[in-house]
Amino acid sequence: MCMCPELLQSLPRCSTVLRGRRLKRFNVQVLRLNRMRRSRRTRNESKDRAMIMVGVKTEMEIKNWKLYMLNKSIIQENEKLRNKALLLHQENQALLSQLQNKFKTSPNNNNNNNNKH
């Protein structure tokens, strides 16, 4: 059987016959790749979001710790001030008691003051 070049050119090639199927397969593969890329992207984005959340969490923990330490120092200072106030109150009561005893023990001073006027 003789195969002329014109005859070979006129015959449909295998690739053109299967071209529709190949295009469909290619499209399916492209769609799968696109889907895979999207899912990887969303996984990566969710990892990034998780890392941001971890960063926010640690930042919040640091702020919380600083506020806790500030609160603790304020409470200690408050306790010192309460102790000072208590000592001042006790000293004030002692002085007031001494002053009252001084006036109670000297009734002659009160009588003399009343007679002079």
Protein backbone atom coordinates (compact mmCIF):
# COMPACT_ATOMS: atom_id res chain seq x y z
CA MET A 1 0.00 0.00 0.00
CA CYS A 2 1.41 3.27 -1.09
CA MET A 3 1.11 6.24 1.18
CA CYS A 4 1.23 9.51 -0.64
CA PRO A 5 1.97 12.68 1.26
CA GLU A 6 -1.27 14.24 0.13
CA LEU A 7 -3.18 11.28 1.44
CA LEU A 8 -1.38 11.47 4.77
CA GLN A 9 -2.24 15.13 5.09
CA SER A 10 -5.88 14.53 4.31
CA LEU A 11 -6.26 11.83 6.95
CA PRO A 12 -7.26 13.08 10.37
CA ARG A 13 -4.52 12.79 12.87
CA CYS A 14 -4.91 10.91 16.05
CA SER A 15 -4.29 14.01 18.11
CA THR A 16 -6.99 15.99 16.35
CA VAL A 17 -9.50 13.21 16.82
CA LEU A 18 -8.66 12.96 20.47
CA ARG A 19 -8.19 16.67 20.80
CA GLY A 20 -11.64 17.21 22.31
CA ARG A 21 -10.98 14.54 24.91
CA ARG A 22 -7.51 15.88 25.59
CA LEU A 23 -8.84 19.40 26.02
CA LYS A 24 -11.44 18.14 28.45
CA ARG A 25 -8.78 16.26 30.39
CA PHE A 26 -6.54 19.28 30.30
CA ASN A 27 -9.37 21.51 31.52
CA VAL A 28 -10.15 19.06 34.31
CA GLN A 29 -6.49 18.99 35.31
CA VAL A 30 -6.30 22.77 35.25
CA LEU A 31 -9.44 23.00 37.35
CA ARG A 32 -7.99 20.51 39.84
CA LEU A 33 -4.74 22.45 40.01
CA ASN A 34 -6.62 25.70 40.51
CA ARG A 35 -8.71 24.10 43.25
CA MET A 36 -5.57 22.73 44.90
CA ARG A 37 -3.87 26.12 44.72
CA ARG A 38 -6.91 27.81 46.22
CA SER A 39 -7.09 25.28 49.03
CA ARG A 40 -3.37 25.71 49.72
CA ARG A 41 -3.82 29.46 49.69
CA THR A 42 -6.71 29.30 52.13
CA ARG A 43 -4.73 26.91 54.34
CA ASN A 44 -1.79 29.29 54.26
CA GLU A 45 -4.07 32.24 54.98
CA SER A 46 -5.62 30.39 57.89
CA LYS A 47 -2.12 29.62 59.17
CA ASP A 48 -1.28 33.32 58.82
CA ARG A 49 -4.46 34.24 60.67
CA ALA A 50 -3.57 31.74 63.37
CA MET A 51 -0.10 33.24 63.66
CA ILE A 52 -1.62 36.71 63.92
CA MET A 53 -3.98 35.45 66.61
CA VAL A 54 -1.04 33.93 68.46
CA GLY A 55 0.73 37.28 68.16
CA VAL A 56 -2.33 39.08 69.47
CA LYS A 57 -2.66 36.54 72.25
CA THR A 58 0.94 36.99 73.37
CA GLU A 59 0.59 40.76 73.07
CA MET A 60 -2.53 40.61 75.23
CA GLU A 61 -0.74 38.37 77.74
CA ILE A 62 2.11 40.88 77.96
CA LYS A 63 -0.32 43.76 78.50
CA ASN A 64 -2.19 41.69 81.06
CA TRP A 65 1.06 40.91 82.92
CA LYS A 66 2.08 44.59 82.93
CA LEU A 67 -1.33 45.61 84.27
CA TYR A 68 -1.15 42.87 86.90
CA MET A 69 2.26 44.09 88.09
CA LEU A 70 1.07 47.70 88.14
CA ASN A 71 -2.01 46.68 90.14
CA LYS A 72 0.18 44.73 92.56
CA SER A 73 2.46 47.71 93.16
CA ILE A 74 -0.56 49.99 93.68
CA ILE A 75 -1.97 47.55 96.24
CA GLN A 76 1.37 47.47 98.09
CA GLU A 77 1.57 51.27 98.11
CA ASN A 78 -2.03 51.42 99.34
CA GLU A 79 -1.18 49.04 102.19
CA LYS A 80 1.80 51.21 103.21
CA LEU A 81 -0.41 54.31 103.20
CA ARG A 82 -3.03 52.54 105.31
CA ASN A 83 -0.40 51.62 107.87
CA LYS A 84 0.85 55.22 107.98
CA ALA A 85 -2.72 56.49 108.35
CA LEU A 86 -3.32 54.02 111.19
CA LEU A 87 -0.16 55.16 113.00
CA LEU A 88 -1.14 58.83 112.54
CA HIS A 89 -4.63 58.10 113.86
CA GLN A 90 -3.20 56.32 116.91
CA GLU A 91 -0.79 59.21 117.54
CA ASN A 92 -3.65 61.68 117.18
CA GLN A 93 -5.76 59.69 119.68
CA ALA A 94 -2.86 59.57 122.14
CA LEU A 95 -2.28 63.34 121.90
CA LEU A 96 -6.00 64.03 122.27
CA SER A 97 -6.12 61.77 125.32
CA GLN A 98 -3.11 63.58 126.86
CA LEU A 99 -4.75 66.94 126.20
CA GLN A 100 -8.02 65.81 127.79
CA ASN A 101 -6.16 64.41 130.83
CA LYS A 102 -4.29 67.68 131.22
CA PHE A 103 -7.52 69.66 131.37
CA LYS A 104 -9.20 67.13 133.67
CA THR A 105 -6.35 67.10 136.18
CA SER A 106 -6.28 70.84 136.61
CA PRO A 107 -9.80 71.91 137.70
CA ASN A 108 -8.29 74.91 139.49
CA ASN A 109 -7.38 76.41 136.12
CA ASN A 110 -10.99 76.28 135.01
CA ASN A 111 -12.20 77.91 138.28
CA ASN A 112 -9.55 80.61 138.12
CA ASN A 113 -10.42 81.39 134.51
CA ASN A 114 -14.10 81.68 135.35
CA ASN A 115 -13.42 83.97 138.37
CA LYS A 116 -11.23 86.34 136.40
CA HIS A 117 -13.91 87.19 133.89
